Amino acid sequence: MTLKILGLALSATLLLTACASNTPQPSQYSGFLSDYSQLQPAQSASGAPVMRWVSADFKPENYRTVLVERPVFYPAPTPTAQVSQQTLDSIALYLQQAIRLELAGRFKVVEYADRDTLVLRSAITAVNLSPEGLKVYEVVPIALVAAAASTAAGTRDLNSSIYVELEAIDGRNSQPMTRVIRKGHGLQLENDSTQLSLKDIKPALDEWAKDARNFKP
């Protein structure tokens, strides 16, 4: 009976840990946004966990046009052998284009802000590669040792993830209308000698773009 209760408790702990790991934590905030104090846990249009704040004055119907600025990296990235500057640049450009394409069905996409323009500014704050998450059976200490050894040897799959902070601003008065922070997951890399490419991160970028189109206050 004790083992059964212990197993249920362990399963619940792992589930809560998984949910928390998908939601950006305050320690992961970059400083790109001017204010983080009003962010609250929420869900994106697709049901993904995010941290979000929406102004009480925000009414999407007040805007006819949208300006999607090219995402910046904040802080400035440090390219590595596994994540090159070319890959980082292609990720930023693709995200801008994907959001523009999705929002074109809802607003007129423009190059310069006007009084009826919603300006989207964003920052990619991290592109992270980490060893594949521990399986349930690896809670056993002897298995943890084996997992650590395979990770050190570079034989373990790597999970790819990417973080973004986004702010929508009223083009008429420059007042912020909404702020969102979220984490996305890309494809797995075979090991620590596999280079990250745009296609590995595309699933997360495409999901973000669709959620931008379907956003509701």
N, C-alpha and C. Protein backbone atom coordinates (compact mmCIF):
# COMPACT_ATOMS: atom_id res chain seq x y z
N MET A 1 0.83 -1.20 0.00
CA MET A 1 0.00 0.00 0.00
C MET A 1 0.87 1.25 0.00
N THR A 2 1.94 1.20 0.82
CA THR A 2 2.85 2.33 0.90
C THR A 2 3.51 2.60 -0.45
N LEU A 3 3.90 1.53 -1.13
CA LEU A 3 4.53 1.68 -2.45
C LEU A 3 3.56 2.28 -3.45
N LYS A 4 2.29 1.89 -3.36
CA LYS A 4 1.29 2.43 -4.29
C LYS A 4 1.12 3.93 -4.08
N ILE A 5 1.03 4.33 -2.79
CA ILE A 5 0.88 5.76 -2.49
C ILE A 5 2.11 6.53 -2.96
N LEU A 6 3.29 5.94 -2.72
CA LEU A 6 4.53 6.58 -3.14
C LEU A 6 4.57 6.75 -4.65
N GLY A 7 4.09 5.73 -5.37
CA GLY A 7 4.07 5.80 -6.83
C GLY A 7 3.13 6.88 -7.33
N LEU A 8 1.95 7.01 -6.69
CA LEU A 8 1.00 8.06 -7.08
C LEU A 8 1.57 9.44 -6.81
N ALA A 9 2.22 9.58 -5.65
CA ALA A 9 2.81 10.87 -5.30
C ALA A 9 3.91 11.24 -6.29
N LEU A 10 4.72 10.25 -6.68
CA LEU A 10 5.80 10.50 -7.63
C LEU A 10 5.25 10.91 -8.98
N SER A 11 4.19 10.24 -9.43
CA SER A 11 3.57 10.58 -10.72
C SER A 11 3.03 12.00 -10.70
N ALA A 12 2.37 12.37 -9.59
CA ALA A 12 1.82 13.72 -9.48
C ALA A 12 2.92 14.77 -9.50
N THR A 13 4.01 14.49 -8.81
CA THR A 13 5.14 15.42 -8.78
C THR A 13 5.73 15.61 -10.16
N LEU A 14 5.90 14.52 -10.90
CA LEU A 14 6.45 14.60 -12.25
C LEU A 14 5.53 15.38 -13.17
N LEU A 15 4.21 15.22 -13.01
CA LEU A 15 3.25 15.94 -13.84
C LEU A 15 3.31 17.43 -13.56
N LEU A 16 3.35 17.80 -12.28
CA LEU A 16 3.42 19.21 -11.92
C LEU A 16 4.72 19.84 -12.41
N THR A 17 5.81 19.07 -12.31
CA THR A 17 7.11 19.57 -12.78
C THR A 17 7.08 19.81 -14.27
N ALA A 18 6.44 18.90 -15.03
CA ALA A 18 6.35 19.04 -16.49
C ALA A 18 5.56 20.29 -16.86
N CYS A 19 4.43 20.53 -16.15
CA CYS A 19 3.63 21.72 -16.43
C CYS A 19 4.41 22.99 -16.14
N ALA A 20 5.11 22.99 -15.00
CA ALA A 20 5.88 24.18 -14.64
C ALA A 20 7.00 24.44 -15.62
N SER A 21 7.60 23.38 -16.16
CA SER A 21 8.73 23.55 -17.07
C SER A 21 8.30 24.15 -18.39
N ASN A 22 7.01 24.05 -18.73
CA ASN A 22 6.51 24.61 -19.98
C ASN A 22 6.11 26.07 -19.85
N THR A 23 6.03 26.58 -18.61
CA THR A 23 5.67 27.96 -18.36
C THR A 23 6.91 28.76 -18.01
N PRO A 24 7.20 29.85 -18.72
CA PRO A 24 8.38 30.64 -18.39
C PRO A 24 8.34 31.11 -16.94
N GLN A 25 9.46 31.00 -16.26
CA GLN A 25 9.57 31.39 -14.86
C GLN A 25 10.24 32.77 -14.75
N PRO A 26 9.97 33.49 -13.66
CA PRO A 26 10.57 34.83 -13.50
C PRO A 26 12.09 34.85 -13.67
N SER A 27 12.75 33.77 -13.27
CA SER A 27 14.21 33.72 -13.41
C SER A 27 14.65 33.69 -14.87
N GLN A 28 13.69 33.40 -15.78
CA GLN A 28 14.00 33.32 -17.21
C GLN A 28 13.62 34.60 -17.95
N TYR A 29 13.08 35.60 -17.26
CA TYR A 29 12.73 36.86 -17.90
C TYR A 29 14.01 37.61 -18.27
N SER A 30 14.01 38.23 -19.43
CA SER A 30 15.25 38.79 -19.96
C SER A 30 15.48 40.25 -19.61
N GLY A 31 14.40 41.01 -19.35
CA GLY A 31 14.53 42.45 -19.17
C GLY A 31 14.14 43.22 -20.42
N PHE A 32 13.75 42.52 -21.48
CA PHE A 32 13.34 43.19 -22.72
C PHE A 32 12.08 44.01 -22.52
N LEU A 33 11.11 43.45 -21.81
CA LEU A 33 9.86 44.16 -21.55
C LEU A 33 10.08 45.19 -20.44
N SER A 34 9.33 46.28 -20.50
CA SER A 34 9.51 47.35 -19.52
C SER A 34 8.85 47.03 -18.19
N ASP A 35 7.90 46.09 -18.17
CA ASP A 35 7.19 45.78 -16.93
C ASP A 35 6.77 44.31 -16.95
N TYR A 36 7.12 43.59 -15.89
CA TYR A 36 6.74 42.18 -15.75
C TYR A 36 5.78 41.96 -14.59
N SER A 37 5.49 43.02 -13.85
CA SER A 37 4.78 42.88 -12.58
C SER A 37 3.34 42.41 -12.74
N GLN A 38 2.71 42.69 -13.89
CA GLN A 38 1.29 42.37 -14.06
C GLN A 38 1.06 41.07 -14.84
N LEU A 39 2.11 40.39 -15.20
CA LEU A 39 1.95 39.14 -15.94
C LEU A 39 1.27 38.09 -15.08
N GLN A 40 0.36 37.35 -15.71
CA GLN A 40 -0.36 36.29 -15.03
C GLN A 40 -0.35 35.03 -15.89
N PRO A 41 -0.40 33.84 -15.26
CA PRO A 41 -0.49 32.60 -16.05
C PRO A 41 -1.77 32.60 -16.89
N ALA A 42 -1.63 32.19 -18.12
CA ALA A 42 -2.77 32.13 -19.03
C ALA A 42 -2.50 31.06 -20.08
N GLN A 43 -3.42 30.94 -21.02
CA GLN A 43 -3.25 29.99 -22.12
C GLN A 43 -3.32 30.73 -23.44
N SER A 44 -2.51 30.29 -24.39
CA SER A 44 -2.57 30.84 -25.74
C SER A 44 -3.82 30.30 -26.45
N ALA A 45 -4.06 30.77 -27.66
CA ALA A 45 -5.22 30.30 -28.43
C ALA A 45 -5.18 28.81 -28.67
N SER A 46 -3.98 28.24 -28.73
CA SER A 46 -3.84 26.80 -28.96
C SER A 46 -3.78 26.00 -27.66
N GLY A 47 -3.86 26.71 -26.52
CA GLY A 47 -3.86 26.03 -25.24
C GLY A 47 -2.52 25.90 -24.57
N ALA A 48 -1.48 26.53 -25.13
CA ALA A 48 -0.15 26.46 -24.53
C ALA A 48 -0.06 27.40 -23.33
N PRO A 49 0.69 27.02 -22.28
CA PRO A 49 0.83 27.90 -21.12
C PRO A 49 1.71 29.10 -21.44
N VAL A 50 1.27 30.27 -21.03
CA VAL A 50 2.02 31.51 -21.24
C VAL A 50 1.90 32.37 -20.00
N MET A 51 2.73 33.39 -19.93
CA MET A 51 2.55 34.47 -18.97
C MET A 51 2.06 35.67 -19.77
N ARG A 52 0.97 36.33 -19.31
CA ARG A 52 0.34 37.34 -20.15
C ARG A 52 -0.27 38.47 -19.33
N TRP A 53 -0.24 39.65 -19.91
CA TRP A 53 -0.97 40.80 -19.40
C TRP A 53 -1.67 41.47 -20.58
N VAL A 54 -2.94 41.89 -20.37
CA VAL A 54 -3.71 42.57 -21.41
C VAL A 54 -4.29 43.84 -20.80
N SER A 55 -4.09 44.96 -21.46
CA SER A 55 -4.63 46.23 -21.00
C SER A 55 -6.16 46.21 -21.07
N ALA A 56 -6.79 46.85 -20.10
CA ALA A 56 -8.25 46.95 -20.10
C ALA A 56 -8.73 47.78 -21.28
N ASP A 57 -7.85 48.57 -21.87
CA ASP A 57 -8.22 49.43 -23.01
C ASP A 57 -8.04 48.74 -24.36
N PHE A 58 -7.51 47.51 -24.36
CA PHE A 58 -7.20 46.86 -25.63
C PHE A 58 -8.45 46.31 -26.30
N LYS A 59 -8.72 46.81 -27.51
CA LYS A 59 -9.82 46.34 -28.33
C LYS A 59 -9.28 46.11 -29.75
N PRO A 60 -9.09 44.85 -30.14
CA PRO A 60 -8.51 44.57 -31.46
C PRO A 60 -9.26 45.24 -32.61
N GLU A 61 -10.56 45.43 -32.46
CA GLU A 61 -11.34 46.04 -33.54
C GLU A 61 -10.99 47.50 -33.77
N ASN A 62 -10.22 48.11 -32.87
CA ASN A 62 -9.81 49.50 -33.05
C ASN A 62 -8.66 49.65 -34.04
N TYR A 63 -8.10 48.54 -34.49
CA TYR A 63 -6.92 48.58 -35.35
C TYR A 63 -7.23 47.98 -36.72
N ARG A 64 -6.85 48.70 -37.75
CA ARG A 64 -7.03 48.20 -39.11
C ARG A 64 -5.74 47.65 -39.69
N THR A 65 -4.59 48.11 -39.15
CA THR A 65 -3.29 47.71 -39.70
C THR A 65 -2.40 47.18 -38.59
N VAL A 66 -1.38 46.42 -38.99
CA VAL A 66 -0.43 45.88 -38.03
C VAL A 66 0.98 46.01 -38.60
N LEU A 67 1.91 46.40 -37.74
CA LEU A 67 3.32 46.48 -38.09
C LEU A 67 4.04 45.42 -37.26
N VAL A 68 4.65 44.45 -37.93
CA VAL A 68 5.38 43.39 -37.23
C VAL A 68 6.87 43.68 -37.35
N GLU A 69 7.45 44.19 -36.28
CA GLU A 69 8.88 44.45 -36.30
C GLU A 69 9.66 43.14 -36.30
N ARG A 70 10.85 43.19 -36.88
CA ARG A 70 11.66 41.98 -36.87
C ARG A 70 12.11 41.67 -35.44
N PRO A 71 11.91 40.43 -34.99
CA PRO A 71 12.35 40.07 -33.64
C PRO A 71 13.84 40.31 -33.45
N VAL A 72 14.18 40.78 -32.27
CA VAL A 72 15.59 40.96 -31.92
C VAL A 72 15.97 39.84 -30.96
N PHE A 73 17.27 39.70 -30.72
CA PHE A 73 17.74 38.77 -29.70
C PHE A 73 18.14 39.60 -28.48
N TYR A 74 17.58 39.23 -27.34
CA TYR A 74 17.85 39.99 -26.13
C TYR A 74 17.99 39.02 -24.96
N PRO A 75 19.16 39.01 -24.34
CA PRO A 75 20.37 39.76 -24.67
C PRO A 75 21.01 39.25 -25.96
N ALA A 76 22.04 39.94 -26.41
CA ALA A 76 22.71 39.55 -27.65
C ALA A 76 23.19 38.11 -27.54
N PRO A 77 22.94 37.30 -28.57
CA PRO A 77 23.29 35.88 -28.49
C PRO A 77 24.79 35.63 -28.63
N THR A 78 25.21 34.51 -28.12
CA THR A 78 26.58 34.05 -28.31
C THR A 78 26.52 32.78 -29.16
N PRO A 79 26.80 32.88 -30.45
CA PRO A 79 26.75 31.68 -31.31
C PRO A 79 27.72 30.61 -30.83
N THR A 80 27.38 29.36 -31.08
CA THR A 80 28.23 28.23 -30.72
C THR A 80 28.39 27.33 -31.92
N ALA A 81 29.18 26.29 -31.76
CA ALA A 81 29.35 25.32 -32.84
C ALA A 81 28.05 24.63 -33.17
N GLN A 82 27.15 24.57 -32.19
CA GLN A 82 25.89 23.87 -32.41
C GLN A 82 24.76 24.81 -32.82
N VAL A 83 24.85 26.09 -32.43
CA VAL A 83 23.84 27.09 -32.80
C VAL A 83 24.57 28.27 -33.43
N SER A 84 24.57 28.34 -34.75
CA SER A 84 25.35 29.35 -35.46
C SER A 84 24.60 30.67 -35.55
N GLN A 85 25.33 31.75 -35.86
CA GLN A 85 24.71 33.06 -36.05
C GLN A 85 23.76 33.02 -37.24
N GLN A 86 24.10 32.28 -38.28
CA GLN A 86 23.23 32.17 -39.45
C GLN A 86 21.89 31.54 -39.07
N THR A 87 21.92 30.53 -38.21
CA THR A 87 20.69 29.90 -37.76
C THR A 87 19.86 30.87 -36.94
N LEU A 88 20.52 31.61 -36.05
CA LEU A 88 19.80 32.58 -35.23
C LEU A 88 19.12 33.64 -36.10
N ASP A 89 19.84 34.14 -37.10
CA ASP A 89 19.28 35.15 -38.00
C ASP A 89 18.09 34.60 -38.77
N SER A 90 18.19 33.36 -39.22
CA SER A 90 17.10 32.76 -40.00
C SER A 90 15.88 32.52 -39.12
N ILE A 91 16.09 32.22 -37.85
CA ILE A 91 14.97 32.03 -36.92
C ILE A 91 14.20 33.34 -36.74
N ALA A 92 14.92 34.45 -36.54
CA ALA A 92 14.28 35.75 -36.34
C ALA A 92 13.50 36.17 -37.59
N LEU A 93 14.12 36.01 -38.76
CA LEU A 93 13.46 36.40 -40.00
C LEU A 93 12.23 35.54 -40.26
N TYR A 94 12.34 34.25 -40.02
CA TYR A 94 11.20 33.35 -40.26
C TYR A 94 10.04 33.68 -39.34
N LEU A 95 10.33 33.98 -38.06
CA LEU A 95 9.26 34.30 -37.13
C LEU A 95 8.52 35.56 -37.57
N GLN A 96 9.25 36.58 -38.00
CA GLN A 96 8.61 37.80 -38.49
C GLN A 96 7.71 37.50 -39.68
N GLN A 97 8.22 36.74 -40.63
CA GLN A 97 7.44 36.43 -41.83
C GLN A 97 6.22 35.58 -41.51
N ALA A 98 6.38 34.64 -40.59
CA ALA A 98 5.26 33.76 -40.23
C ALA A 98 4.15 34.55 -39.55
N ILE A 99 4.50 35.47 -38.65
CA ILE A 99 3.48 36.29 -37.99
C ILE A 99 2.80 37.20 -38.99
N ARG A 100 3.58 37.82 -39.88
CA ARG A 100 2.99 38.67 -40.91
C ARG A 100 1.98 37.90 -41.75
N LEU A 101 2.36 36.70 -42.17
CA LEU A 101 1.49 35.89 -43.02
C LEU A 101 0.19 35.55 -42.31
N GLU A 102 0.28 35.17 -41.04
CA GLU A 102 -0.92 34.81 -40.30
C GLU A 102 -1.82 36.02 -40.05
N LEU A 103 -1.21 37.16 -39.68
CA LEU A 103 -2.00 38.34 -39.36
C LEU A 103 -2.58 39.02 -40.59
N ALA A 104 -2.07 38.69 -41.78
CA ALA A 104 -2.57 39.30 -43.02
C ALA A 104 -4.04 38.98 -43.25
N GLY A 105 -4.51 37.89 -42.65
CA GLY A 105 -5.92 37.55 -42.78
C GLY A 105 -6.81 38.30 -41.81
N ARG A 106 -6.20 39.06 -40.92
CA ARG A 106 -6.95 39.78 -39.88
C ARG A 106 -6.75 41.29 -39.95
N PHE A 107 -5.55 41.72 -40.36
CA PHE A 107 -5.22 43.13 -40.49
C PHE A 107 -4.51 43.36 -41.83
N LYS A 108 -4.39 44.62 -42.20
CA LYS A 108 -3.52 45.00 -43.30
C LYS A 108 -2.11 45.14 -42.72
N VAL A 109 -1.15 44.43 -43.29
CA VAL A 109 0.22 44.48 -42.81
C VAL A 109 0.92 45.68 -43.44
N VAL A 110 1.53 46.53 -42.62
CA VAL A 110 2.16 47.76 -43.11
C VAL A 110 3.62 47.82 -42.66
N GLU A 111 4.35 48.74 -43.27
CA GLU A 111 5.77 48.93 -42.95
C GLU A 111 5.99 50.09 -41.99
N TYR A 112 5.00 50.99 -41.87
CA TYR A 112 5.12 52.14 -40.99
C TYR A 112 3.85 52.28 -40.17
N ALA A 113 4.02 52.65 -38.91
CA ALA A 113 2.88 52.75 -38.01
C ALA A 113 2.08 54.03 -38.25
N ASP A 114 0.76 53.90 -38.11
CA ASP A 114 -0.14 55.04 -38.20
C ASP A 114 -1.03 55.04 -36.95
N ARG A 115 -2.04 55.89 -36.94
CA ARG A 115 -2.90 56.01 -35.76
C ARG A 115 -3.74 54.75 -35.52
N ASP A 116 -3.99 53.99 -36.57
CA ASP A 116 -4.81 52.78 -36.40
C ASP A 116 -3.96 51.50 -36.47
N THR A 117 -2.67 51.64 -36.17
CA THR A 117 -1.74 50.50 -36.31
C THR A 117 -1.44 49.89 -34.94
N LEU A 118 -1.44 48.58 -34.91
CA LEU A 118 -0.97 47.82 -33.75
C LEU A 118 0.46 47.37 -34.07
N VAL A 119 1.40 47.78 -33.24
CA VAL A 119 2.81 47.48 -33.48
C VAL A 119 3.22 46.29 -32.61
N LEU A 120 3.74 45.25 -33.24
CA LEU A 120 4.21 44.08 -32.52
C LEU A 120 5.73 44.09 -32.49
N ARG A 121 6.27 44.16 -31.29
CA ARG A 121 7.72 44.10 -31.11
C ARG A 121 8.01 42.88 -30.24
N SER A 122 9.07 42.18 -30.57
CA SER A 122 9.35 40.94 -29.83
C SER A 122 10.84 40.70 -29.72
N ALA A 123 11.18 39.86 -28.76
CA ALA A 123 12.57 39.47 -28.56
C ALA A 123 12.64 37.97 -28.34
N ILE A 124 13.56 37.33 -29.04
CA ILE A 124 13.89 35.94 -28.75
C ILE A 124 14.94 35.99 -27.65
N THR A 125 14.60 35.46 -26.50
CA THR A 125 15.46 35.65 -25.33
C THR A 125 16.32 34.44 -25.02
N ALA A 126 16.05 33.30 -25.65
CA ALA A 126 16.90 32.12 -25.44
C ALA A 126 16.59 31.08 -26.49
N VAL A 127 17.62 30.42 -26.95
CA VAL A 127 17.50 29.19 -27.75
C VAL A 127 18.30 28.16 -26.99
N ASN A 128 17.62 27.17 -26.46
CA ASN A 128 18.24 26.27 -25.49
C ASN A 128 18.24 24.83 -25.99
N LEU A 129 19.36 24.14 -25.76
CA LEU A 129 19.46 22.71 -26.04
C LEU A 129 19.78 22.02 -24.73
N SER A 130 18.97 21.02 -24.36
CA SER A 130 19.18 20.33 -23.09
C SER A 130 18.96 18.84 -23.28
N PRO A 131 19.63 18.01 -22.46
CA PRO A 131 19.45 16.56 -22.57
C PRO A 131 17.99 16.19 -22.42
N GLU A 132 17.59 15.13 -23.10
CA GLU A 132 16.22 14.65 -23.05
C GLU A 132 15.78 14.45 -21.61
N GLY A 133 14.54 14.85 -21.31
CA GLY A 133 14.02 14.78 -19.95
C GLY A 133 14.09 13.39 -19.36
N LEU A 134 14.24 13.36 -18.06
CA LEU A 134 14.35 12.07 -17.37
C LEU A 134 13.05 11.29 -17.50
N LYS A 135 13.17 10.00 -17.77
CA LYS A 135 12.01 9.11 -17.80
C LYS A 135 11.65 8.72 -16.37
N VAL A 136 10.45 8.18 -16.18
CA VAL A 136 10.01 7.81 -14.84
C VAL A 136 10.97 6.81 -14.21
N TYR A 137 11.43 5.83 -15.01
CA TYR A 137 12.28 4.79 -14.43
C TYR A 137 13.63 5.34 -14.00
N GLU A 138 14.00 6.53 -14.49
CA GLU A 138 15.30 7.08 -14.14
C GLU A 138 15.30 7.78 -12.79
N VAL A 139 14.14 7.75 -12.10
CA VAL A 139 14.13 8.26 -10.74
C VAL A 139 14.95 7.35 -9.84
N VAL A 140 15.08 6.09 -10.21
CA VAL A 140 15.92 5.16 -9.46
C VAL A 140 17.37 5.66 -9.55
N PRO A 141 18.05 5.80 -8.42
CA PRO A 141 19.40 6.40 -8.42
C PRO A 141 20.37 5.75 -9.39
N ILE A 142 20.37 4.42 -9.51
CA ILE A 142 21.34 3.76 -10.39
C ILE A 142 21.09 4.16 -11.83
N ALA A 143 19.81 4.37 -12.20
CA ALA A 143 19.49 4.78 -13.57
C ALA A 143 19.89 6.23 -13.81
N LEU A 144 19.81 7.05 -12.76
CA LEU A 144 20.24 8.44 -12.89
C LEU A 144 21.73 8.51 -13.22
N VAL A 145 22.51 7.66 -12.62
CA VAL A 145 23.93 7.62 -12.90
C VAL A 145 24.18 7.24 -14.35
N ALA A 146 23.43 6.25 -14.84
CA ALA A 146 23.58 5.82 -16.22
C ALA A 146 23.17 6.94 -17.18
N ALA A 147 22.10 7.67 -16.84
CA ALA A 147 21.64 8.77 -17.68
C ALA A 147 22.69 9.87 -17.75
N ALA A 148 23.28 10.20 -16.62
CA ALA A 148 24.31 11.24 -16.59
C ALA A 148 25.53 10.83 -17.41
N ALA A 149 25.87 9.56 -17.35
CA ALA A 149 27.04 9.07 -18.10
C ALA A 149 26.79 9.18 -19.60
N SER A 150 25.60 8.80 -20.05
CA SER A 150 25.32 8.86 -21.49
C SER A 150 25.24 10.30 -21.97
N THR A 151 24.76 11.21 -21.11
CA THR A 151 24.71 12.62 -21.48
C THR A 151 26.13 13.18 -21.64
N ALA A 152 27.00 12.83 -20.71
CA ALA A 152 28.37 13.31 -20.78
C ALA A 152 29.08 12.80 -22.01
N ALA A 153 28.71 11.60 -22.45
CA ALA A 153 29.33 11.01 -23.63
C ALA A 153 28.78 11.58 -24.92
N GLY A 154 27.71 12.41 -24.81
CA GLY A 154 27.13 13.03 -26.00
C GLY A 154 26.26 12.10 -26.81
N THR A 155 25.79 11.01 -26.19
CA THR A 155 25.00 10.04 -26.93
C THR A 155 23.51 10.24 -26.72
N ARG A 156 23.14 11.18 -25.89
CA ARG A 156 21.75 11.34 -25.52
C ARG A 156 21.06 12.36 -26.40
N ASP A 157 19.75 12.13 -26.70
CA ASP A 157 18.99 13.10 -27.47
C ASP A 157 18.94 14.43 -26.74
N LEU A 158 18.91 15.53 -27.51
CA LEU A 158 18.80 16.86 -26.94
C LEU A 158 17.46 17.47 -27.31
N ASN A 159 16.77 18.03 -26.33
CA ASN A 159 15.54 18.76 -26.59
C ASN A 159 15.89 20.19 -26.97
N SER A 160 15.20 20.73 -27.96
CA SER A 160 15.41 22.12 -28.36
C SER A 160 14.22 22.96 -27.89
N SER A 161 14.49 24.12 -27.34
CA SER A 161 13.43 25.01 -26.90
C SER A 161 13.83 26.45 -27.20
N ILE A 162 12.83 27.31 -27.27
CA ILE A 162 13.05 28.71 -27.62
C ILE A 162 12.08 29.56 -26.81
N TYR A 163 12.55 30.73 -26.36
CA TYR A 163 11.75 31.62 -25.52
C TYR A 163 11.53 32.94 -26.26
N VAL A 164 10.34 33.51 -26.10
CA VAL A 164 10.06 34.80 -26.74
C VAL A 164 9.30 35.69 -25.77
N GLU A 165 9.57 36.98 -25.85
CA GLU A 165 8.81 37.99 -25.12
C GLU A 165 8.25 38.97 -26.16
N LEU A 166 6.94 39.21 -26.10
CA LEU A 166 6.28 40.01 -27.13
C LEU A 166 5.43 41.09 -26.49
N GLU A 167 5.42 42.24 -27.14
CA GLU A 167 4.62 43.37 -26.67
C GLU A 167 3.90 44.00 -27.85
N ALA A 168 2.61 44.24 -27.70
CA ALA A 168 1.81 44.93 -28.72
C ALA A 168 1.56 46.35 -28.25
N ILE A 169 1.85 47.31 -29.12
CA ILE A 169 1.79 48.74 -28.75
C ILE A 169 0.82 49.48 -29.67
N ASP A 170 0.07 50.40 -29.10
CA ASP A 170 -0.83 51.25 -29.86
C ASP A 170 -0.01 52.25 -30.67
N GLY A 171 -0.19 52.24 -32.01
CA GLY A 171 0.58 53.13 -32.87
C GLY A 171 0.24 54.60 -32.70
N ARG A 172 -0.90 54.90 -32.09
CA ARG A 172 -1.32 56.29 -31.92
C ARG A 172 -0.64 56.95 -30.73
N ASN A 173 -0.57 56.23 -29.62
CA ASN A 173 -0.04 56.85 -28.40
C ASN A 173 1.12 56.09 -27.76
N SER A 174 1.56 55.00 -28.42
CA SER A 174 2.69 54.19 -27.95
C SER A 174 2.44 53.49 -26.61
N GLN A 175 1.17 53.38 -26.24
CA GLN A 175 0.83 52.70 -24.99
C GLN A 175 0.80 51.18 -25.21
N PRO A 176 1.37 50.40 -24.28
CA PRO A 176 1.33 48.95 -24.42
C PRO A 176 -0.09 48.42 -24.25
N MET A 177 -0.45 47.48 -25.12
CA MET A 177 -1.78 46.89 -25.08
C MET A 177 -1.76 45.46 -24.50
N THR A 178 -0.69 44.75 -24.77
CA THR A 178 -0.56 43.41 -24.21
C THR A 178 0.91 43.02 -24.18
N ARG A 179 1.24 42.16 -23.23
CA ARG A 179 2.58 41.59 -23.13
C ARG A 179 2.44 40.09 -22.94
N VAL A 180 3.29 39.34 -23.63
CA VAL A 180 3.23 37.88 -23.55
C VAL A 180 4.64 37.32 -23.47
N ILE A 181 4.82 36.33 -22.61
CA ILE A 181 6.07 35.58 -22.56
C ILE A 181 5.72 34.10 -22.70
N ARG A 182 6.45 33.42 -23.57
CA ARG A 182 6.15 32.00 -23.74
C ARG A 182 7.38 31.21 -24.17
N LYS A 183 7.26 29.92 -23.98
CA LYS A 183 8.32 28.98 -24.33
C LYS A 183 7.78 28.04 -25.40
N GLY A 184 8.61 27.71 -26.37
CA GLY A 184 8.22 26.77 -27.41
C GLY A 184 9.20 25.62 -27.51
N HIS A 185 8.71 24.50 -28.01
CA HIS A 185 9.55 23.32 -28.15
C HIS A 185 9.74 22.99 -29.62
N GLY A 186 10.99 22.72 -29.99
CA GLY A 186 11.29 22.29 -31.35
C GLY A 186 11.50 20.80 -31.42
N LEU A 187 12.20 20.36 -32.44
CA LEU A 187 12.46 18.94 -32.63
C LEU A 187 13.67 18.52 -31.79
N GLN A 188 13.80 17.23 -31.60
CA GLN A 188 14.95 16.70 -30.87
C GLN A 188 16.16 16.58 -31.79
N LEU A 189 17.31 16.88 -31.25
CA LEU A 189 18.57 16.66 -31.95
C LEU A 189 19.16 15.33 -31.47
N GLU A 190 19.85 14.64 -32.35
CA GLU A 190 20.34 13.31 -32.02
C GLU A 190 21.37 13.32 -30.90
N ASN A 191 22.28 14.30 -30.91
CA ASN A 191 23.31 14.35 -29.87
C ASN A 191 23.95 15.74 -29.89
N ASP A 192 24.97 15.93 -29.07
CA ASP A 192 25.55 17.26 -28.93
C ASP A 192 26.51 17.64 -30.06
N SER A 193 26.60 16.82 -31.09
CA SER A 193 27.38 17.19 -32.26
C SER A 193 26.47 17.53 -33.45
N THR A 194 25.15 17.43 -33.23
CA THR A 194 24.18 17.77 -34.28
C THR A 194 23.91 19.26 -34.25
N GLN A 195 24.06 19.92 -35.39
CA GLN A 195 23.82 21.36 -35.46
C GLN A 195 22.32 21.67 -35.47
N LEU A 196 21.94 22.69 -34.73
CA LEU A 196 20.56 23.17 -34.76
C LEU A 196 20.32 23.92 -36.07
N SER A 197 19.16 23.71 -36.67
CA SER A 197 18.80 24.43 -37.89
C SER A 197 17.41 25.02 -37.74
N LEU A 198 17.03 25.88 -38.66
CA LEU A 198 15.72 26.52 -38.61
C LEU A 198 14.60 25.49 -38.57
N LYS A 199 14.73 24.42 -39.33
CA LYS A 199 13.64 23.43 -39.39
C LYS A 199 13.39 22.78 -38.04
N ASP A 200 14.41 22.74 -37.18
CA ASP A 200 14.25 22.15 -35.86
C ASP A 200 13.36 23.01 -34.96
N ILE A 201 13.36 24.31 -35.20
CA ILE A 201 12.61 25.24 -34.36
C ILE A 201 11.30 25.66 -35.01
N LYS A 202 11.11 25.38 -36.30
CA LYS A 202 9.92 25.82 -37.02
C LYS A 202 8.60 25.46 -36.35
N PRO A 203 8.45 24.25 -35.78
CA PRO A 203 7.15 23.93 -35.16
C PRO A 203 6.73 24.94 -34.11
N ALA A 204 7.68 25.41 -33.30
CA ALA A 204 7.36 26.40 -32.27
C ALA A 204 7.00 27.74 -32.90
N LEU A 205 7.76 28.16 -33.91
CA LEU A 205 7.52 29.45 -34.55
C LEU A 205 6.17 29.47 -35.25
N ASP A 206 5.81 28.39 -35.92
CA ASP A 206 4.52 28.30 -36.61
C ASP A 206 3.37 28.37 -35.61
N GLU A 207 3.53 27.71 -34.48
CA GLU A 207 2.49 27.74 -33.45
C GLU A 207 2.32 29.15 -32.90
N TRP A 208 3.43 29.84 -32.66
CA TRP A 208 3.35 31.21 -32.16
C TRP A 208 2.62 32.12 -33.15
N ALA A 209 2.93 31.97 -34.42
CA ALA A 209 2.30 32.81 -35.44
C ALA A 209 0.79 32.58 -35.51
N LYS A 210 0.38 31.33 -35.45
CA LYS A 210 -1.06 31.01 -35.47
C LYS A 210 -1.76 31.54 -34.24
N ASP A 211 -1.09 31.46 -33.09
CA ASP A 211 -1.68 31.98 -31.88
C ASP A 211 -1.81 33.50 -31.93
N ALA A 212 -0.88 34.17 -32.60
CA ALA A 212 -0.98 35.63 -32.76
C ALA A 212 -2.22 35.99 -33.57
N ARG A 213 -2.49 35.22 -34.60
CA ARG A 213 -3.67 35.47 -35.43
C ARG A 213 -4.96 35.25 -34.64
N ASN A 214 -4.97 34.21 -33.81
CA ASN A 214 -6.19 33.82 -33.09
C ASN A 214 -6.29 34.42 -31.69
N PHE A 215 -5.40 35.37 -31.38
CA PHE A 215 -5.39 35.96 -30.04
C PHE A 215 -6.71 36.66 -29.72
N LYS A 216 -7.18 36.41 -28.50
CA LYS A 216 -8.37 37.11 -27.99
C LYS A 216 -8.06 37.63 -26.59
N PRO A 217 -8.37 38.89 -26.30
CA PRO A 217 -8.12 39.46 -24.97
C PRO A 217 -8.85 38.68 -23.88
